[in-house]
Amino acid sequence: MRGLRAHYHLLPDQDEDQPIDCTEPDSEGQLGWEGAPVTPPAPEEPCRLVLSTPSSILQDREIEEPWSLLYCTARDGFSLRTLYRCTNQLSSPALLLIRDTEAQVFGAFSTSPIHVSKCFYGTGETFLFSFSPELKVFRWTGRNSFFLKGDVDLLMVGGGSGKFGLWLDGDLHHGGSCPCETFNNESLSPRGEFCVQDLELWGLD
């Protein structure tokens, strides 16, 4: 969706000394500088989308209503099960944002809420996107309907010929991206497989 701009909570900047290898997140209650307790982040405020051009996908209601942060690894920990629990009452579109350990930002938009399923679900309005560094959007090609599918061990977006446009493991530490028939996308991450630095899931109130 060319020209899409969104006011959303920015993922914290990556530490220049952060290794590329995946690492476990810090434990809760970790002490900060000189032993002082780490101050918890302030509650997130809802955000609103700002479109520079009209959208053929988002309806006026979806644009005008505030989007809320349903799940984020910084607040809720790294767990696909927790992500599902945070969205089990959701009946609105979902915006998935990921930043890997190489500071690449990408994700997916779905008009269907993300949930556990035995079969693929979703609509042709689902798409993948990346900032590399400019926004690139990969829309449905019509070649198949492999939009989303997930269980407690794996979340997949897009597919075909054994390859997924985007996938995440059950711990939300590892993922990958390959060109797929559903979206005819480029690999969203430079290395194909990646380690998650931060992940956020947004939904409508």
N, C-alpha and C. Protein backbone atom coordinates (compact mmCIF):
# COMPACT_ATOMS: atom_id res chain seq x y z
N MET A 1 0.86 -1.18 0.00
CA MET A 1 0.00 0.00 0.00
C MET A 1 0.89 1.23 0.00
N ARG A 2 1.22 1.67 -1.15
CA ARG A 2 2.20 2.73 -1.29
C ARG A 2 1.67 4.00 -0.64
N GLY A 3 2.53 4.69 0.08
CA GLY A 3 2.14 5.92 0.72
C GLY A 3 1.60 5.73 2.12
N LEU A 4 1.60 4.53 2.65
CA LEU A 4 1.11 4.28 3.99
C LEU A 4 2.12 4.78 5.00
N ARG A 5 1.63 5.58 5.92
CA ARG A 5 2.44 6.01 7.06
C ARG A 5 1.61 5.79 8.30
N ALA A 6 2.22 5.31 9.35
CA ALA A 6 1.47 5.05 10.58
C ALA A 6 2.21 5.65 11.76
N HIS A 7 1.44 6.28 12.67
CA HIS A 7 2.01 6.71 13.94
C HIS A 7 1.87 5.55 14.89
N TYR A 8 2.96 4.83 15.17
CA TYR A 8 2.90 3.72 16.10
C TYR A 8 4.09 3.79 17.03
N HIS A 9 4.00 3.06 18.10
CA HIS A 9 5.10 2.99 19.07
C HIS A 9 6.35 2.46 18.39
N LEU A 10 7.42 3.24 18.43
CA LEU A 10 8.66 2.82 17.77
C LEU A 10 9.37 1.80 18.62
N LEU A 11 9.93 0.79 17.97
CA LEU A 11 10.72 -0.19 18.67
C LEU A 11 12.00 0.46 19.17
N PRO A 12 12.45 0.10 20.37
CA PRO A 12 13.66 0.73 20.91
C PRO A 12 14.88 0.46 20.04
N ASP A 13 15.77 1.45 20.00
CA ASP A 13 16.96 1.33 19.17
C ASP A 13 17.81 0.16 19.61
N GLN A 14 18.40 -0.50 18.65
CA GLN A 14 19.26 -1.65 18.95
C GLN A 14 20.61 -1.17 19.45
N ASP A 15 21.11 -1.84 20.48
CA ASP A 15 22.43 -1.54 21.00
C ASP A 15 23.47 -1.90 19.95
N GLU A 16 24.41 -0.99 19.69
CA GLU A 16 25.44 -1.25 18.68
C GLU A 16 26.27 -2.47 19.03
N ASP A 17 26.35 -2.80 20.33
CA ASP A 17 27.15 -3.94 20.75
C ASP A 17 26.35 -5.22 20.81
N GLN A 18 25.07 -5.17 20.44
CA GLN A 18 24.24 -6.37 20.48
C GLN A 18 24.77 -7.39 19.47
N PRO A 19 25.05 -8.62 19.89
CA PRO A 19 25.54 -9.63 18.95
C PRO A 19 24.45 -10.06 18.00
N ILE A 20 24.85 -10.56 16.85
CA ILE A 20 23.90 -11.04 15.87
C ILE A 20 23.27 -12.34 16.33
N ASP A 21 24.02 -13.17 17.08
CA ASP A 21 23.47 -14.44 17.55
C ASP A 21 22.26 -14.19 18.43
N CYS A 22 21.29 -15.10 18.39
CA CYS A 22 20.10 -14.97 19.22
C CYS A 22 20.47 -15.13 20.68
N THR A 23 19.88 -14.32 21.53
CA THR A 23 20.10 -14.42 22.97
C THR A 23 18.76 -14.43 23.66
N GLU A 24 18.73 -15.05 24.83
CA GLU A 24 17.51 -15.07 25.61
C GLU A 24 17.24 -13.68 26.16
N PRO A 25 15.94 -13.27 26.29
CA PRO A 25 15.63 -11.96 26.85
C PRO A 25 16.04 -11.88 28.30
N ASP A 26 16.26 -10.65 28.79
CA ASP A 26 16.64 -10.45 30.18
C ASP A 26 15.51 -10.92 31.08
N SER A 27 15.87 -11.43 32.25
CA SER A 27 14.86 -11.89 33.18
C SER A 27 14.18 -10.70 33.84
N GLU A 28 12.93 -10.94 34.32
CA GLU A 28 12.20 -9.88 34.99
C GLU A 28 12.89 -9.53 36.30
N GLY A 29 12.79 -8.26 36.69
CA GLY A 29 13.37 -7.82 37.94
C GLY A 29 14.86 -7.58 37.88
N GLN A 30 15.44 -7.55 36.68
CA GLN A 30 16.88 -7.32 36.56
C GLN A 30 17.19 -5.91 37.03
N LEU A 31 18.31 -5.74 37.76
CA LEU A 31 18.70 -4.44 38.25
C LEU A 31 19.37 -3.63 37.16
N GLY A 32 19.14 -2.33 37.21
CA GLY A 32 19.71 -1.45 36.21
C GLY A 32 21.06 -0.92 36.65
N TRP A 33 21.44 0.27 36.17
CA TRP A 33 22.73 0.89 36.44
C TRP A 33 22.90 1.12 37.94
N GLU A 34 24.02 0.69 38.44
CA GLU A 34 24.39 0.83 39.85
C GLU A 34 23.37 0.17 40.77
N GLY A 35 22.72 -0.90 40.29
CA GLY A 35 21.84 -1.65 41.15
C GLY A 35 20.45 -1.11 41.30
N ALA A 36 20.12 -0.01 40.61
CA ALA A 36 18.78 0.56 40.72
C ALA A 36 17.79 -0.29 39.93
N PRO A 37 16.59 -0.51 40.47
CA PRO A 37 15.60 -1.29 39.72
C PRO A 37 15.26 -0.64 38.39
N VAL A 38 15.04 -1.47 37.39
CA VAL A 38 14.67 -0.95 36.08
C VAL A 38 13.26 -0.39 36.14
N THR A 39 13.06 0.82 35.68
CA THR A 39 11.74 1.44 35.68
C THR A 39 10.88 0.82 34.60
N PRO A 40 9.69 0.33 34.95
CA PRO A 40 8.84 -0.26 33.91
C PRO A 40 8.38 0.79 32.92
N PRO A 41 8.16 0.40 31.66
CA PRO A 41 7.75 1.37 30.66
C PRO A 41 6.37 1.91 30.97
N ALA A 42 6.14 3.16 30.55
CA ALA A 42 4.83 3.77 30.75
C ALA A 42 3.80 3.07 29.87
N PRO A 43 2.53 3.08 30.30
CA PRO A 43 1.49 2.44 29.48
C PRO A 43 1.45 3.03 28.08
N GLU A 44 1.25 2.15 27.10
CA GLU A 44 1.22 2.59 25.72
C GLU A 44 -0.08 3.32 25.41
N GLU A 45 0.01 4.41 24.67
CA GLU A 45 -1.17 5.12 24.23
C GLU A 45 -1.60 4.61 22.87
N PRO A 46 -2.92 4.59 22.61
CA PRO A 46 -3.38 4.16 21.29
C PRO A 46 -2.79 5.03 20.19
N CYS A 47 -2.59 4.46 19.02
CA CYS A 47 -2.08 5.22 17.90
C CYS A 47 -3.14 5.31 16.83
N ARG A 48 -2.94 6.20 15.88
CA ARG A 48 -3.86 6.35 14.77
C ARG A 48 -3.07 6.33 13.47
N LEU A 49 -3.64 5.68 12.47
CA LEU A 49 -3.00 5.64 11.16
C LEU A 49 -3.20 6.96 10.44
N VAL A 50 -2.17 7.38 9.74
CA VAL A 50 -2.25 8.58 8.91
C VAL A 50 -1.86 8.17 7.49
N LEU A 51 -2.79 8.24 6.56
CA LEU A 51 -2.55 7.82 5.19
C LEU A 51 -2.30 9.03 4.31
N SER A 52 -1.23 8.99 3.54
CA SER A 52 -0.93 10.10 2.63
C SER A 52 -1.75 10.00 1.35
N THR A 53 -2.25 8.81 1.03
CA THR A 53 -3.13 8.60 -0.12
C THR A 53 -4.25 7.67 0.29
N PRO A 54 -5.39 7.70 -0.39
CA PRO A 54 -6.51 6.82 -0.02
C PRO A 54 -6.12 5.35 -0.11
N SER A 55 -6.67 4.56 0.78
CA SER A 55 -6.39 3.13 0.82
C SER A 55 -7.53 2.34 0.19
N SER A 56 -7.18 1.34 -0.62
CA SER A 56 -8.17 0.43 -1.17
C SER A 56 -8.39 -0.77 -0.26
N ILE A 57 -7.63 -0.84 0.83
CA ILE A 57 -7.71 -1.97 1.76
C ILE A 57 -8.37 -1.57 3.07
N LEU A 58 -7.87 -0.52 3.71
CA LEU A 58 -8.41 -0.10 5.00
C LEU A 58 -9.65 0.74 4.81
N GLN A 59 -10.69 0.45 5.58
CA GLN A 59 -11.91 1.23 5.54
C GLN A 59 -11.77 2.43 6.45
N ASP A 60 -12.67 3.42 6.27
CA ASP A 60 -12.60 4.64 7.09
C ASP A 60 -12.64 4.31 8.57
N ARG A 61 -13.46 3.32 8.97
CA ARG A 61 -13.57 2.97 10.37
C ARG A 61 -12.23 2.49 10.92
N GLU A 62 -11.51 1.72 10.11
CA GLU A 62 -10.23 1.16 10.55
C GLU A 62 -9.16 2.23 10.64
N ILE A 63 -9.28 3.26 9.79
CA ILE A 63 -8.30 4.34 9.80
C ILE A 63 -8.55 5.29 10.96
N GLU A 64 -9.83 5.62 11.21
CA GLU A 64 -10.17 6.63 12.20
C GLU A 64 -10.11 6.11 13.63
N GLU A 65 -10.38 4.83 13.83
CA GLU A 65 -10.36 4.30 15.18
C GLU A 65 -8.92 4.07 15.66
N PRO A 66 -8.71 4.23 16.96
CA PRO A 66 -7.33 4.06 17.48
C PRO A 66 -6.89 2.61 17.46
N TRP A 67 -5.61 2.41 17.17
CA TRP A 67 -4.99 1.08 17.22
C TRP A 67 -4.27 0.96 18.56
N SER A 68 -4.38 -0.19 19.18
CA SER A 68 -3.77 -0.42 20.49
C SER A 68 -2.73 -1.52 20.41
N LEU A 69 -1.73 -1.41 21.26
CA LEU A 69 -0.68 -2.42 21.34
C LEU A 69 -1.21 -3.61 22.13
N LEU A 70 -1.46 -4.72 21.44
CA LEU A 70 -2.02 -5.91 22.08
C LEU A 70 -0.95 -6.78 22.71
N TYR A 71 0.20 -6.84 22.05
CA TYR A 71 1.28 -7.71 22.53
C TYR A 71 2.61 -7.13 22.09
N CYS A 72 3.59 -7.19 22.97
CA CYS A 72 4.96 -6.84 22.58
C CYS A 72 5.93 -7.64 23.43
N THR A 73 7.04 -8.04 22.84
CA THR A 73 8.01 -8.86 23.55
C THR A 73 8.65 -8.10 24.71
N ALA A 74 8.80 -6.78 24.59
CA ALA A 74 9.42 -6.00 25.66
C ALA A 74 8.56 -6.01 26.92
N ARG A 75 7.26 -6.11 26.75
CA ARG A 75 6.35 -6.07 27.89
C ARG A 75 5.85 -7.46 28.31
N ASP A 76 5.60 -8.32 27.32
CA ASP A 76 4.92 -9.58 27.58
C ASP A 76 5.81 -10.81 27.48
N GLY A 77 7.08 -10.63 27.11
CA GLY A 77 7.98 -11.75 26.97
C GLY A 77 7.90 -12.39 25.59
N PHE A 78 8.78 -13.33 25.35
CA PHE A 78 8.88 -13.99 24.05
C PHE A 78 8.11 -15.32 24.09
N SER A 79 6.89 -15.32 23.56
CA SER A 79 6.08 -16.54 23.57
C SER A 79 4.94 -16.42 22.58
N LEU A 80 4.87 -17.36 21.65
CA LEU A 80 3.76 -17.37 20.70
C LEU A 80 2.45 -17.68 21.41
N ARG A 81 2.49 -18.53 22.43
CA ARG A 81 1.29 -18.82 23.21
C ARG A 81 0.72 -17.55 23.83
N THR A 82 1.61 -16.71 24.39
CA THR A 82 1.16 -15.47 25.01
C THR A 82 0.57 -14.54 23.95
N LEU A 83 1.18 -14.49 22.79
CA LEU A 83 0.64 -13.67 21.70
C LEU A 83 -0.79 -14.10 21.38
N TYR A 84 -1.02 -15.40 21.27
CA TYR A 84 -2.37 -15.88 20.99
C TYR A 84 -3.34 -15.48 22.11
N ARG A 85 -2.88 -15.61 23.37
CA ARG A 85 -3.77 -15.26 24.49
C ARG A 85 -4.13 -13.78 24.48
N CYS A 86 -3.19 -12.95 24.07
CA CYS A 86 -3.45 -11.51 24.04
C CYS A 86 -4.41 -11.10 22.93
N THR A 87 -4.62 -12.01 21.98
CA THR A 87 -5.47 -11.67 20.83
C THR A 87 -6.71 -12.55 20.73
N ASN A 88 -6.97 -13.37 21.76
CA ASN A 88 -8.06 -14.34 21.62
C ASN A 88 -9.45 -13.69 21.61
N GLN A 89 -9.54 -12.43 22.04
CA GLN A 89 -10.82 -11.73 21.99
C GLN A 89 -10.89 -10.76 20.81
N LEU A 90 -9.84 -10.74 20.01
CA LEU A 90 -9.77 -9.78 18.91
C LEU A 90 -10.63 -10.24 17.73
N SER A 91 -11.37 -9.32 17.15
CA SER A 91 -12.17 -9.63 15.97
C SER A 91 -11.90 -8.63 14.85
N SER A 92 -10.79 -7.91 14.97
CA SER A 92 -10.47 -6.84 14.04
C SER A 92 -9.15 -7.14 13.33
N PRO A 93 -8.77 -6.35 12.36
CA PRO A 93 -7.48 -6.54 11.67
C PRO A 93 -6.30 -6.47 12.64
N ALA A 94 -5.18 -7.04 12.21
CA ALA A 94 -3.98 -7.09 13.05
C ALA A 94 -2.78 -6.62 12.25
N LEU A 95 -1.90 -5.89 12.90
CA LEU A 95 -0.66 -5.40 12.30
C LEU A 95 0.51 -5.97 13.09
N LEU A 96 1.32 -6.80 12.44
CA LEU A 96 2.46 -7.45 13.08
C LEU A 96 3.73 -6.73 12.67
N LEU A 97 4.50 -6.25 13.65
CA LEU A 97 5.75 -5.55 13.40
C LEU A 97 6.90 -6.32 14.03
N ILE A 98 7.97 -6.50 13.28
CA ILE A 98 9.14 -7.25 13.75
C ILE A 98 10.40 -6.44 13.45
N ARG A 99 11.33 -6.46 14.39
CA ARG A 99 12.68 -5.97 14.10
C ARG A 99 13.65 -7.07 14.48
N ASP A 100 14.54 -7.41 13.55
CA ASP A 100 15.50 -8.48 13.83
C ASP A 100 16.77 -7.89 14.43
N THR A 101 17.72 -8.76 14.74
CA THR A 101 18.94 -8.32 15.40
C THR A 101 19.89 -7.57 14.47
N GLU A 102 19.52 -7.46 13.20
CA GLU A 102 20.29 -6.64 12.26
C GLU A 102 19.57 -5.34 11.96
N ALA A 103 18.57 -5.00 12.79
CA ALA A 103 17.84 -3.74 12.72
C ALA A 103 16.95 -3.63 11.49
N GLN A 104 16.65 -4.74 10.84
CA GLN A 104 15.70 -4.73 9.72
C GLN A 104 14.29 -4.81 10.28
N VAL A 105 13.40 -3.96 9.76
CA VAL A 105 12.02 -3.89 10.23
C VAL A 105 11.09 -4.38 9.12
N PHE A 106 10.16 -5.26 9.48
CA PHE A 106 9.24 -5.84 8.50
C PHE A 106 8.05 -6.41 9.24
N GLY A 107 7.09 -6.94 8.50
CA GLY A 107 5.93 -7.51 9.17
C GLY A 107 4.82 -7.87 8.21
N ALA A 108 3.61 -7.94 8.77
CA ALA A 108 2.45 -8.38 8.00
C ALA A 108 1.21 -7.65 8.49
N PHE A 109 0.27 -7.46 7.57
CA PHE A 109 -1.04 -6.93 7.91
C PHE A 109 -2.07 -7.97 7.55
N SER A 110 -3.02 -8.21 8.45
CA SER A 110 -4.07 -9.19 8.21
C SER A 110 -5.41 -8.58 8.60
N THR A 111 -6.40 -8.75 7.74
CA THR A 111 -7.75 -8.29 8.09
C THR A 111 -8.40 -9.25 9.07
N SER A 112 -7.81 -10.43 9.27
CA SER A 112 -8.31 -11.41 10.22
C SER A 112 -7.43 -11.41 11.46
N PRO A 113 -7.99 -11.59 12.65
CA PRO A 113 -7.14 -11.69 13.84
C PRO A 113 -6.25 -12.92 13.77
N ILE A 114 -5.07 -12.83 14.36
CA ILE A 114 -4.14 -13.95 14.36
C ILE A 114 -4.55 -14.94 15.45
N HIS A 115 -4.70 -16.21 15.09
CA HIS A 115 -5.16 -17.22 16.04
C HIS A 115 -4.65 -18.60 15.63
N VAL A 116 -4.80 -19.54 16.54
CA VAL A 116 -4.43 -20.93 16.26
C VAL A 116 -5.42 -21.51 15.26
N SER A 117 -4.91 -22.26 14.28
CA SER A 117 -5.78 -22.82 13.25
C SER A 117 -5.16 -24.08 12.67
N LYS A 118 -6.01 -24.99 12.23
CA LYS A 118 -5.53 -26.20 11.56
C LYS A 118 -5.34 -25.98 10.07
N CYS A 119 -6.01 -24.98 9.51
CA CYS A 119 -5.94 -24.68 8.08
C CYS A 119 -5.54 -23.22 7.89
N PHE A 120 -5.15 -22.90 6.68
CA PHE A 120 -4.86 -21.50 6.36
C PHE A 120 -6.15 -20.70 6.39
N TYR A 121 -6.05 -19.45 6.80
CA TYR A 121 -7.20 -18.55 6.85
C TYR A 121 -6.76 -17.16 6.41
N GLY A 122 -7.71 -16.24 6.30
CA GLY A 122 -7.39 -14.88 5.90
C GLY A 122 -8.06 -14.51 4.60
N THR A 123 -7.77 -13.30 4.13
CA THR A 123 -8.36 -12.78 2.90
C THR A 123 -7.27 -12.23 1.99
N GLY A 124 -7.66 -11.91 0.78
CA GLY A 124 -6.72 -11.35 -0.19
C GLY A 124 -6.24 -9.95 0.14
N GLU A 125 -6.75 -9.38 1.22
CA GLU A 125 -6.28 -8.07 1.67
C GLU A 125 -5.06 -8.19 2.58
N THR A 126 -4.69 -9.39 2.92
CA THR A 126 -3.47 -9.63 3.70
C THR A 126 -2.25 -9.27 2.86
N PHE A 127 -1.23 -8.70 3.49
CA PHE A 127 0.01 -8.41 2.75
C PHE A 127 1.21 -8.43 3.69
N LEU A 128 2.38 -8.61 3.09
CA LEU A 128 3.66 -8.49 3.79
C LEU A 128 4.28 -7.15 3.44
N PHE A 129 5.17 -6.67 4.31
CA PHE A 129 5.85 -5.41 4.02
C PHE A 129 7.22 -5.42 4.69
N SER A 130 8.08 -4.53 4.20
CA SER A 130 9.39 -4.36 4.83
C SER A 130 9.82 -2.91 4.65
N PHE A 131 10.73 -2.48 5.50
CA PHE A 131 11.37 -1.16 5.37
C PHE A 131 12.84 -1.44 5.10
N SER A 132 13.29 -1.19 3.87
CA SER A 132 14.64 -1.64 3.51
C SER A 132 15.44 -0.61 2.69
N PRO A 133 15.61 0.64 3.10
CA PRO A 133 14.97 1.24 4.27
C PRO A 133 13.59 1.81 3.97
N GLU A 134 13.21 1.93 2.68
CA GLU A 134 11.91 2.48 2.35
C GLU A 134 10.85 1.38 2.35
N LEU A 135 9.61 1.80 2.53
CA LEU A 135 8.51 0.85 2.61
C LEU A 135 8.31 0.10 1.30
N LYS A 136 8.26 -1.24 1.40
CA LYS A 136 7.90 -2.10 0.27
C LYS A 136 6.73 -2.96 0.71
N VAL A 137 5.70 -3.03 -0.10
CA VAL A 137 4.50 -3.81 0.21
C VAL A 137 4.35 -4.92 -0.81
N PHE A 138 4.06 -6.12 -0.32
CA PHE A 138 3.91 -7.29 -1.18
C PHE A 138 2.48 -7.81 -1.03
N ARG A 139 1.67 -7.57 -2.06
CA ARG A 139 0.25 -7.90 -2.01
C ARG A 139 -0.01 -9.31 -2.53
N TRP A 140 -1.23 -9.76 -2.33
CA TRP A 140 -1.67 -11.07 -2.76
C TRP A 140 -1.57 -11.20 -4.28
N THR A 141 -1.02 -12.30 -4.73
CA THR A 141 -0.88 -12.55 -6.17
C THR A 141 -2.10 -13.25 -6.76
N GLY A 142 -2.89 -13.91 -5.91
CA GLY A 142 -4.02 -14.69 -6.40
C GLY A 142 -3.64 -16.13 -6.76
N ARG A 143 -2.39 -16.51 -6.60
CA ARG A 143 -1.93 -17.85 -7.01
C ARG A 143 -2.34 -18.92 -6.00
N ASN A 144 -2.50 -18.58 -4.74
CA ASN A 144 -3.03 -19.50 -3.74
C ASN A 144 -3.63 -18.67 -2.62
N SER A 145 -4.18 -19.35 -1.63
CA SER A 145 -4.82 -18.68 -0.50
C SER A 145 -4.15 -19.04 0.83
N PHE A 146 -2.83 -19.18 0.80
CA PHE A 146 -2.08 -19.52 2.00
C PHE A 146 -1.72 -18.24 2.77
N PHE A 147 -2.73 -17.61 3.36
CA PHE A 147 -2.50 -16.32 4.00
C PHE A 147 -1.87 -16.47 5.38
N LEU A 148 -2.56 -17.10 6.31
CA LEU A 148 -2.02 -17.30 7.66
C LEU A 148 -2.39 -18.68 8.17
N LYS A 149 -1.51 -19.22 9.00
CA LYS A 149 -1.77 -20.49 9.67
C LYS A 149 -0.85 -20.55 10.88
N GLY A 150 -1.37 -21.03 12.00
CA GLY A 150 -0.53 -21.07 13.18
C GLY A 150 -0.94 -22.11 14.20
N ASP A 151 0.04 -22.64 14.91
CA ASP A 151 -0.19 -23.45 16.09
C ASP A 151 0.76 -22.94 17.17
N VAL A 152 0.88 -23.67 18.26
CA VAL A 152 1.70 -23.17 19.37
C VAL A 152 3.19 -23.22 19.07
N ASP A 153 3.58 -23.91 18.01
CA ASP A 153 5.00 -24.05 17.67
C ASP A 153 5.44 -23.22 16.47
N LEU A 154 4.48 -22.73 15.68
CA LEU A 154 4.86 -22.07 14.44
C LEU A 154 3.73 -21.17 13.95
N LEU A 155 4.09 -19.97 13.52
CA LEU A 155 3.16 -19.04 12.87
C LEU A 155 3.68 -18.79 11.47
N MET A 156 2.81 -18.95 10.45
CA MET A 156 3.21 -18.81 9.05
C MET A 156 2.34 -17.78 8.36
N VAL A 157 2.94 -16.96 7.51
CA VAL A 157 2.22 -16.00 6.69
C VAL A 157 2.69 -16.16 5.25
N GLY A 158 1.78 -16.58 4.37
CA GLY A 158 2.15 -16.79 2.97
C GLY A 158 2.89 -18.10 2.78
N GLY A 159 2.69 -18.74 1.62
CA GLY A 159 3.36 -20.01 1.39
C GLY A 159 3.25 -20.48 -0.04
N GLY A 160 3.71 -21.70 -0.25
CA GLY A 160 3.71 -22.32 -1.56
C GLY A 160 5.02 -23.01 -1.83
N SER A 161 4.96 -24.23 -2.35
CA SER A 161 6.15 -25.02 -2.68
C SER A 161 7.06 -25.21 -1.48
N GLY A 162 6.47 -25.33 -0.31
CA GLY A 162 7.26 -25.59 0.90
C GLY A 162 7.99 -24.39 1.46
N LYS A 163 7.71 -23.19 0.96
CA LYS A 163 8.38 -21.98 1.45
C LYS A 163 7.33 -21.02 2.01
N PHE A 164 7.73 -20.28 3.06
CA PHE A 164 6.83 -19.35 3.70
C PHE A 164 7.33 -17.92 3.54
N GLY A 165 6.39 -17.01 3.28
CA GLY A 165 6.77 -15.61 3.17
C GLY A 165 7.32 -15.06 4.48
N LEU A 166 6.74 -15.54 5.58
CA LEU A 166 7.21 -15.15 6.91
C LEU A 166 6.82 -16.25 7.89
N TRP A 167 7.74 -16.66 8.75
CA TRP A 167 7.40 -17.62 9.79
C TRP A 167 8.12 -17.26 11.08
N LEU A 168 7.51 -17.64 12.19
CA LEU A 168 8.06 -17.42 13.52
C LEU A 168 7.92 -18.69 14.33
N ASP A 169 8.92 -19.01 15.16
CA ASP A 169 8.84 -20.21 15.97
C ASP A 169 8.05 -19.94 17.25
N GLY A 170 7.81 -20.99 18.02
CA GLY A 170 6.97 -20.88 19.20
C GLY A 170 7.54 -20.02 20.30
N ASP A 171 8.85 -19.85 20.33
CA ASP A 171 9.49 -19.00 21.33
C ASP A 171 9.63 -17.55 20.87
N LEU A 172 9.30 -17.31 19.62
CA LEU A 172 9.43 -15.97 19.00
C LEU A 172 10.87 -15.46 19.06
N HIS A 173 11.83 -16.38 19.13
CA HIS A 173 13.24 -15.98 19.04
C HIS A 173 13.75 -16.07 17.61
N HIS A 174 13.29 -17.05 16.87
CA HIS A 174 13.77 -17.29 15.52
C HIS A 174 12.63 -17.16 14.52
N GLY A 175 12.99 -16.81 13.30
CA GLY A 175 12.02 -16.74 12.22
C GLY A 175 12.73 -16.79 10.88
N GLY A 176 11.97 -16.69 9.83
CA GLY A 176 12.54 -16.72 8.50
C GLY A 176 11.60 -16.12 7.48
N SER A 177 12.13 -15.84 6.32
CA SER A 177 11.34 -15.27 5.24
C SER A 177 11.93 -15.71 3.91
N CYS A 178 11.06 -16.23 3.03
CA CYS A 178 11.46 -16.65 1.69
C CYS A 178 10.47 -16.07 0.68
N PRO A 179 10.90 -15.89 -0.57
CA PRO A 179 9.92 -15.56 -1.60
C PRO A 179 8.86 -16.66 -1.66
N CYS A 180 7.59 -16.27 -1.73
CA CYS A 180 6.52 -17.26 -1.75
C CYS A 180 5.48 -16.91 -2.81
N GLU A 181 4.71 -17.91 -3.21
CA GLU A 181 3.74 -17.72 -4.28
C GLU A 181 2.58 -16.82 -3.85
N THR A 182 2.25 -16.81 -2.57
CA THR A 182 1.10 -16.02 -2.12
C THR A 182 1.30 -14.54 -2.37
N PHE A 183 2.52 -14.03 -2.11
CA PHE A 183 2.76 -12.59 -2.19
C PHE A 183 3.86 -12.21 -3.19
N ASN A 184 4.55 -13.18 -3.77
CA ASN A 184 5.66 -12.88 -4.67
C ASN A 184 6.61 -11.87 -4.03
N ASN A 185 6.91 -12.11 -2.77
CA ASN A 185 7.70 -11.17 -1.98
C ASN A 185 9.19 -11.45 -2.08
N GLU A 186 9.96 -10.44 -1.76
CA GLU A 186 11.38 -10.63 -1.52
C GLU A 186 11.55 -11.19 -0.11
N SER A 187 12.72 -11.71 0.20
CA SER A 187 13.00 -12.08 1.58
C SER A 187 12.96 -10.82 2.43
N LEU A 188 12.17 -10.84 3.48
CA LEU A 188 11.99 -9.64 4.29
C LEU A 188 13.20 -9.32 5.14
N SER A 189 14.00 -10.34 5.45
CA SER A 189 15.20 -10.17 6.24
C SER A 189 16.42 -10.48 5.36
N PRO A 190 17.50 -9.71 5.48
CA PRO A 190 18.66 -9.89 4.58
C PRO A 190 19.23 -11.31 4.58
N ARG A 191 19.18 -12.02 5.72
CA ARG A 191 19.78 -13.34 5.81
C ARG A 191 18.77 -14.47 5.57
N GLY A 192 17.54 -14.16 5.29
CA GLY A 192 16.52 -15.20 5.13
C GLY A 192 16.00 -15.62 6.48
N GLU A 193 16.80 -16.34 7.27
CA GLU A 193 16.45 -16.65 8.64
C GLU A 193 17.01 -15.55 9.55
N PHE A 194 16.29 -15.28 10.64
CA PHE A 194 16.66 -14.14 11.47
C PHE A 194 16.39 -14.46 12.94
N CYS A 195 16.94 -13.62 13.80
CA CYS A 195 16.66 -13.65 15.23
C CYS A 195 15.85 -12.40 15.58
N VAL A 196 14.82 -12.57 16.36
CA VAL A 196 13.92 -11.46 16.69
C VAL A 196 14.54 -10.60 17.79
N GLN A 197 14.61 -9.32 17.54
CA GLN A 197 15.02 -8.36 18.56
C GLN A 197 13.80 -7.84 19.30
N ASP A 198 12.79 -7.42 18.57
CA ASP A 198 11.55 -6.92 19.14
C ASP A 198 10.39 -7.31 18.24
N LEU A 199 9.24 -7.53 18.85
CA LEU A 199 8.04 -7.87 18.07
C LEU A 199 6.85 -7.20 18.72
N GLU A 200 5.98 -6.63 17.91
CA GLU A 200 4.76 -5.98 18.40
C GLU A 200 3.58 -6.43 17.55
N LEU A 201 2.42 -6.54 18.19
CA LEU A 201 1.18 -6.83 17.48
C LEU A 201 0.14 -5.78 17.89
N TRP A 202 -0.38 -5.09 16.88
CA TRP A 202 -1.36 -4.02 17.08
C TRP A 202 -2.72 -4.44 16.56
N GLY A 203 -3.76 -3.94 17.21
CA GLY A 203 -5.12 -4.22 16.77
C GLY A 203 -6.03 -3.03 17.07
N LEU A 204 -7.19 -3.04 16.46
CA LEU A 204 -8.16 -1.98 16.71
C LEU A 204 -8.80 -2.15 18.07
N ASP A 205 -9.10 -1.05 18.72
CA ASP A 205 -9.83 -1.11 20.01
C ASP A 205 -11.22 -1.71 19.79
